[in-house]
N, C-alpha and C. Protein backbone atom coordinates (compact mmCIF):
# COMPACT_ATOMS: atom_id res chain seq x y z
N UNK A 1 0.84 -1.17 0.00
CA UNK A 1 0.00 0.00 0.00
C UNK A 1 0.89 1.23 0.00
N UNK A 2 0.49 2.23 -0.74
CA UNK A 2 1.22 3.50 -0.77
C UNK A 2 0.69 4.39 0.33
N UNK A 3 1.60 5.14 0.96
CA UNK A 3 1.20 6.08 2.00
C UNK A 3 1.75 7.47 1.67
N UNK A 4 1.08 8.49 2.18
CA UNK A 4 1.47 9.87 1.97
C UNK A 4 1.52 10.59 3.31
N UNK A 5 1.97 11.83 3.28
CA UNK A 5 1.95 12.63 4.50
C UNK A 5 0.54 12.69 5.07
N UNK A 6 -0.44 12.79 4.18
CA UNK A 6 -1.84 12.98 4.60
C UNK A 6 -2.42 11.76 5.33
N UNK A 7 -2.02 10.55 4.92
CA UNK A 7 -2.65 9.36 5.51
C UNK A 7 -1.69 8.48 6.31
N UNK A 8 -0.45 8.94 6.54
CA UNK A 8 0.54 8.13 7.26
C UNK A 8 0.05 7.78 8.67
N UNK A 9 -0.50 8.76 9.37
CA UNK A 9 -0.98 8.54 10.73
C UNK A 9 -2.00 7.39 10.77
N UNK A 10 -2.96 7.45 9.87
CA UNK A 10 -4.03 6.43 9.84
C UNK A 10 -3.52 5.08 9.35
N UNK A 11 -2.83 5.06 8.21
CA UNK A 11 -2.44 3.80 7.57
C UNK A 11 -1.26 3.11 8.24
N UNK A 12 -0.40 3.88 8.89
CA UNK A 12 0.79 3.27 9.51
C UNK A 12 0.70 3.28 11.04
N UNK A 13 0.64 4.47 11.63
CA UNK A 13 0.69 4.58 13.09
C UNK A 13 -0.50 3.84 13.72
N UNK A 14 -1.71 4.16 13.29
CA UNK A 14 -2.90 3.52 13.88
C UNK A 14 -2.96 2.03 13.55
N UNK A 15 -2.69 1.67 12.30
CA UNK A 15 -2.77 0.26 11.89
C UNK A 15 -1.73 -0.59 12.62
N UNK A 16 -0.58 0.02 12.97
CA UNK A 16 0.48 -0.75 13.64
C UNK A 16 0.09 -1.17 15.05
N UNK A 17 -1.02 -0.64 15.55
CA UNK A 17 -1.51 -1.06 16.86
C UNK A 17 -2.24 -2.40 16.76
N UNK A 18 -2.57 -2.81 15.51
CA UNK A 18 -3.24 -4.09 15.27
C UNK A 18 -2.29 -5.14 14.70
N UNK A 19 -1.43 -4.72 13.77
CA UNK A 19 -0.51 -5.63 13.08
C UNK A 19 0.76 -4.82 12.75
N UNK A 20 1.95 -5.46 12.79
CA UNK A 20 3.16 -4.71 12.45
C UNK A 20 3.06 -4.12 11.03
N UNK A 21 3.58 -2.91 10.87
CA UNK A 21 3.62 -2.25 9.57
C UNK A 21 5.08 -1.96 9.24
N UNK A 22 5.53 -2.46 8.09
CA UNK A 22 6.88 -2.21 7.61
C UNK A 22 6.79 -1.13 6.54
N UNK A 23 7.50 -0.02 6.76
CA UNK A 23 7.45 1.09 5.81
C UNK A 23 8.77 1.15 5.04
N UNK A 24 8.64 1.13 3.72
CA UNK A 24 9.78 1.26 2.81
C UNK A 24 9.80 2.71 2.33
N UNK A 25 10.76 3.49 2.83
CA UNK A 25 10.94 4.87 2.35
C UNK A 25 11.85 4.78 1.11
N UNK A 26 11.37 5.25 -0.03
CA UNK A 26 12.06 5.04 -1.29
C UNK A 26 11.86 6.25 -2.20
N UNK A 27 12.50 6.21 -3.38
CA UNK A 27 12.29 7.21 -4.43
C UNK A 27 12.48 6.54 -5.78
N UNK A 28 11.79 7.07 -6.78
CA UNK A 28 11.84 6.46 -8.11
C UNK A 28 13.23 6.55 -8.75
N UNK A 29 14.04 7.53 -8.37
CA UNK A 29 15.37 7.73 -8.95
C UNK A 29 16.46 6.94 -8.22
N UNK A 30 16.09 6.21 -7.18
CA UNK A 30 17.07 5.49 -6.33
C UNK A 30 17.19 4.04 -6.80
N UNK A 31 18.35 3.69 -7.36
CA UNK A 31 18.52 2.33 -7.88
C UNK A 31 18.46 1.25 -6.78
N UNK A 32 19.10 1.43 -5.62
CA UNK A 32 18.95 0.42 -4.58
C UNK A 32 17.48 0.24 -4.16
N UNK A 33 16.70 1.33 -4.21
CA UNK A 33 15.27 1.24 -3.89
C UNK A 33 14.54 0.36 -4.91
N UNK A 34 14.93 0.49 -6.17
CA UNK A 34 14.30 -0.30 -7.23
C UNK A 34 14.62 -1.80 -7.05
N UNK A 35 15.77 -2.08 -6.47
CA UNK A 35 16.16 -3.47 -6.22
C UNK A 35 15.43 -4.01 -4.99
N UNK A 36 15.37 -3.20 -3.93
CA UNK A 36 14.78 -3.66 -2.66
C UNK A 36 13.27 -3.81 -2.73
N UNK A 37 12.59 -2.90 -3.42
CA UNK A 37 11.12 -2.89 -3.46
C UNK A 37 10.51 -4.24 -3.81
N UNK A 38 10.89 -4.84 -4.94
CA UNK A 38 10.31 -6.14 -5.31
C UNK A 38 10.61 -7.25 -4.31
N UNK A 39 11.77 -7.19 -3.67
CA UNK A 39 12.14 -8.20 -2.66
C UNK A 39 11.18 -8.07 -1.46
N UNK A 40 10.96 -6.83 -1.01
CA UNK A 40 10.03 -6.63 0.11
C UNK A 40 8.62 -7.08 -0.26
N UNK A 41 8.19 -6.79 -1.49
CA UNK A 41 6.84 -7.19 -1.92
C UNK A 41 6.70 -8.71 -1.95
N UNK A 42 7.74 -9.40 -2.42
CA UNK A 42 7.72 -10.87 -2.45
C UNK A 42 7.62 -11.43 -1.03
N UNK A 43 8.45 -10.89 -0.13
CA UNK A 43 8.45 -11.37 1.26
C UNK A 43 7.09 -11.10 1.91
N UNK A 44 6.52 -9.92 1.67
CA UNK A 44 5.21 -9.60 2.24
C UNK A 44 4.17 -10.62 1.79
N UNK A 45 4.24 -11.02 0.53
CA UNK A 45 3.33 -12.06 0.03
C UNK A 45 3.54 -13.38 0.73
N UNK A 46 4.80 -13.74 0.95
CA UNK A 46 5.13 -15.00 1.61
C UNK A 46 4.65 -15.03 3.07
N UNK A 47 4.67 -13.87 3.74
CA UNK A 47 4.30 -13.79 5.15
C UNK A 47 2.78 -13.71 5.35
N UNK A 48 2.04 -13.62 4.26
CA UNK A 48 0.57 -13.75 4.28
C UNK A 48 -0.13 -12.98 5.41
N UNK A 49 0.10 -11.67 5.46
CA UNK A 49 -0.65 -10.85 6.40
C UNK A 49 -0.07 -10.73 7.79
N UNK A 50 1.10 -11.34 8.03
CA UNK A 50 1.71 -11.21 9.36
C UNK A 50 2.20 -9.78 9.60
N UNK A 51 2.42 -9.05 8.49
CA UNK A 51 2.73 -7.62 8.58
C UNK A 51 2.19 -6.95 7.32
N UNK A 52 2.07 -5.64 7.39
CA UNK A 52 1.63 -4.86 6.24
C UNK A 52 2.83 -4.12 5.69
N UNK A 53 2.99 -4.14 4.37
CA UNK A 53 4.06 -3.39 3.73
C UNK A 53 3.48 -2.08 3.20
N UNK A 54 4.05 -0.97 3.68
CA UNK A 54 3.65 0.35 3.21
C UNK A 54 4.84 0.97 2.49
N UNK A 55 4.56 1.68 1.39
CA UNK A 55 5.62 2.32 0.62
C UNK A 55 5.42 3.82 0.68
N UNK A 56 6.47 4.53 1.12
CA UNK A 56 6.42 5.98 1.24
C UNK A 56 7.47 6.58 0.31
N UNK A 57 7.02 7.22 -0.76
CA UNK A 57 7.93 7.89 -1.68
C UNK A 57 8.40 9.18 -1.02
N UNK A 58 9.71 9.28 -0.74
CA UNK A 58 10.22 10.43 0.02
C UNK A 58 9.98 11.76 -0.69
N UNK A 59 9.89 11.74 -2.02
CA UNK A 59 9.63 12.97 -2.76
C UNK A 59 8.19 13.44 -2.57
N UNK A 60 7.29 12.50 -2.24
CA UNK A 60 5.88 12.83 -2.05
C UNK A 60 5.50 12.88 -0.57
N UNK A 61 6.43 12.53 0.30
CA UNK A 61 6.17 12.52 1.75
C UNK A 61 7.27 13.28 2.49
N UNK A 62 7.50 14.56 2.15
CA UNK A 62 8.61 15.27 2.79
C UNK A 62 8.44 15.44 4.30
N UNK A 63 7.23 15.66 4.77
CA UNK A 63 7.02 15.86 6.21
C UNK A 63 7.26 14.57 6.99
N UNK A 64 6.70 13.48 6.49
CA UNK A 64 6.88 12.19 7.16
C UNK A 64 8.35 11.78 7.14
N UNK A 65 9.00 11.97 6.00
CA UNK A 65 10.43 11.62 5.89
C UNK A 65 11.26 12.41 6.89
N UNK A 66 10.94 13.68 7.04
CA UNK A 66 11.65 14.54 7.99
C UNK A 66 11.36 14.10 9.43
N UNK A 67 10.09 13.83 9.73
CA UNK A 67 9.69 13.41 11.08
C UNK A 67 10.47 12.18 11.53
N UNK A 68 10.69 11.23 10.61
CA UNK A 68 11.35 9.98 10.98
C UNK A 68 12.84 9.98 10.63
N UNK A 69 13.39 11.17 10.34
CA UNK A 69 14.83 11.32 10.17
C UNK A 69 15.42 10.55 9.01
N UNK A 70 14.70 10.47 7.90
CA UNK A 70 15.21 9.74 6.75
C UNK A 70 16.35 10.54 6.13
N UNK A 71 17.55 9.98 6.17
CA UNK A 71 18.73 10.64 5.61
C UNK A 71 19.22 9.92 4.34
N UNK A 72 19.07 8.60 4.34
CA UNK A 72 19.48 7.80 3.19
C UNK A 72 18.37 6.84 2.85
N UNK A 73 18.28 6.50 1.57
CA UNK A 73 17.24 5.55 1.14
C UNK A 73 17.90 4.45 0.32
N UNK A 74 17.29 3.28 0.24
CA UNK A 74 16.06 2.92 0.92
C UNK A 74 16.25 2.82 2.44
N UNK A 75 15.23 3.26 3.14
CA UNK A 75 15.19 3.14 4.60
C UNK A 75 13.92 2.37 4.94
N UNK A 76 14.07 1.32 5.74
CA UNK A 76 12.94 0.46 6.09
C UNK A 76 12.77 0.50 7.60
N UNK A 77 11.55 0.81 8.03
CA UNK A 77 11.25 0.90 9.46
C UNK A 77 10.06 0.01 9.78
N UNK A 78 10.14 -0.69 10.92
CA UNK A 78 9.00 -1.48 11.38
C UNK A 78 8.32 -0.73 12.51
N UNK A 79 7.01 -0.57 12.36
CA UNK A 79 6.19 0.08 13.38
C UNK A 79 5.35 -0.97 14.08
N UNK A 80 5.33 -0.89 15.42
CA UNK A 80 4.46 -1.73 16.25
C UNK A 80 3.92 -0.82 17.34
N UNK A 81 2.63 -0.94 17.60
CA UNK A 81 2.00 -0.12 18.65
C UNK A 81 2.30 1.36 18.48
N UNK A 82 2.32 1.82 17.21
CA UNK A 82 2.48 3.24 16.93
C UNK A 82 3.90 3.77 16.98
N UNK A 83 4.88 2.88 17.20
CA UNK A 83 6.26 3.34 17.33
C UNK A 83 7.20 2.52 16.45
N UNK A 84 8.33 3.15 16.07
CA UNK A 84 9.37 2.44 15.33
C UNK A 84 10.09 1.51 16.31
N UNK A 85 10.11 0.21 16.00
CA UNK A 85 10.80 -0.73 16.89
C UNK A 85 12.14 -1.18 16.32
N UNK A 86 12.31 -1.08 14.99
CA UNK A 86 13.59 -1.42 14.39
C UNK A 86 13.62 -0.88 12.97
N UNK A 87 14.83 -0.81 12.39
CA UNK A 87 14.97 -0.25 11.06
C UNK A 87 16.29 -0.69 10.44
N UNK A 88 16.38 -0.56 9.12
CA UNK A 88 17.66 -0.73 8.43
C UNK A 88 17.67 0.21 7.23
N UNK A 89 18.88 0.53 6.78
CA UNK A 89 19.05 1.42 5.64
C UNK A 89 19.87 0.69 4.59
N UNK A 90 19.46 0.84 3.34
CA UNK A 90 20.17 0.21 2.23
C UNK A 90 19.54 -1.09 1.81
N UNK A 91 19.80 -1.46 0.56
CA UNK A 91 19.28 -2.72 0.04
C UNK A 91 19.97 -3.87 0.77
N UNK A 92 19.18 -4.84 1.19
CA UNK A 92 19.69 -6.01 1.92
C UNK A 92 19.30 -7.27 1.16
N UNK A 93 20.10 -8.34 1.30
CA UNK A 93 19.70 -9.60 0.68
C UNK A 93 18.46 -10.18 1.37
N UNK A 94 17.69 -10.91 0.62
CA UNK A 94 16.42 -11.47 1.13
C UNK A 94 16.57 -12.23 2.44
N UNK A 95 17.58 -13.10 2.61
CA UNK A 95 17.69 -13.82 3.89
C UNK A 95 17.88 -12.88 5.08
N UNK A 96 18.61 -11.79 4.88
CA UNK A 96 18.82 -10.82 5.97
C UNK A 96 17.50 -10.14 6.33
N UNK A 97 16.70 -9.82 5.35
CA UNK A 97 15.42 -9.16 5.60
C UNK A 97 14.49 -10.12 6.35
N UNK A 98 14.47 -11.37 5.92
CA UNK A 98 13.61 -12.36 6.60
C UNK A 98 14.04 -12.53 8.06
N UNK A 99 15.35 -12.57 8.31
CA UNK A 99 15.85 -12.70 9.68
C UNK A 99 15.47 -11.47 10.50
N UNK A 100 15.57 -10.29 9.89
CA UNK A 100 15.19 -9.04 10.57
C UNK A 100 13.70 -9.06 10.93
N UNK A 101 12.87 -9.50 9.98
CA UNK A 101 11.43 -9.59 10.24
C UNK A 101 11.14 -10.58 11.36
N UNK A 102 11.73 -11.76 11.27
CA UNK A 102 11.47 -12.81 12.27
C UNK A 102 11.89 -12.35 13.66
N UNK A 103 12.98 -11.61 13.75
CA UNK A 103 13.46 -11.11 15.04
C UNK A 103 12.49 -10.10 15.64
N UNK A 104 11.82 -9.34 14.79
CA UNK A 104 10.99 -8.23 15.26
C UNK A 104 9.48 -8.51 15.31
N UNK A 105 9.06 -9.65 14.84
CA UNK A 105 7.61 -9.92 14.78
C UNK A 105 7.12 -10.46 16.13
């Protein structure tokens, strides 16, 4: 699901009180983002609803990106109970992402 500054509170913060939400902060001009995005989407499909994958384009979400201190992309943050519980920056191999998810779920 795509999120914007306008709906981030509802789609990410509030929803994370029910199920973990993983937010991929990305941009269309970022090559590592183009590599990571499909990997995250595949993993989200494999996990069958255990978490929600949200995509925040930093060019379209300047306020949210600033609020969460996004300095480099791709930046991936997991939200639980309305708060960031863990994060990583940069494209990661699929096994590392799965291990990160399993540790934080």
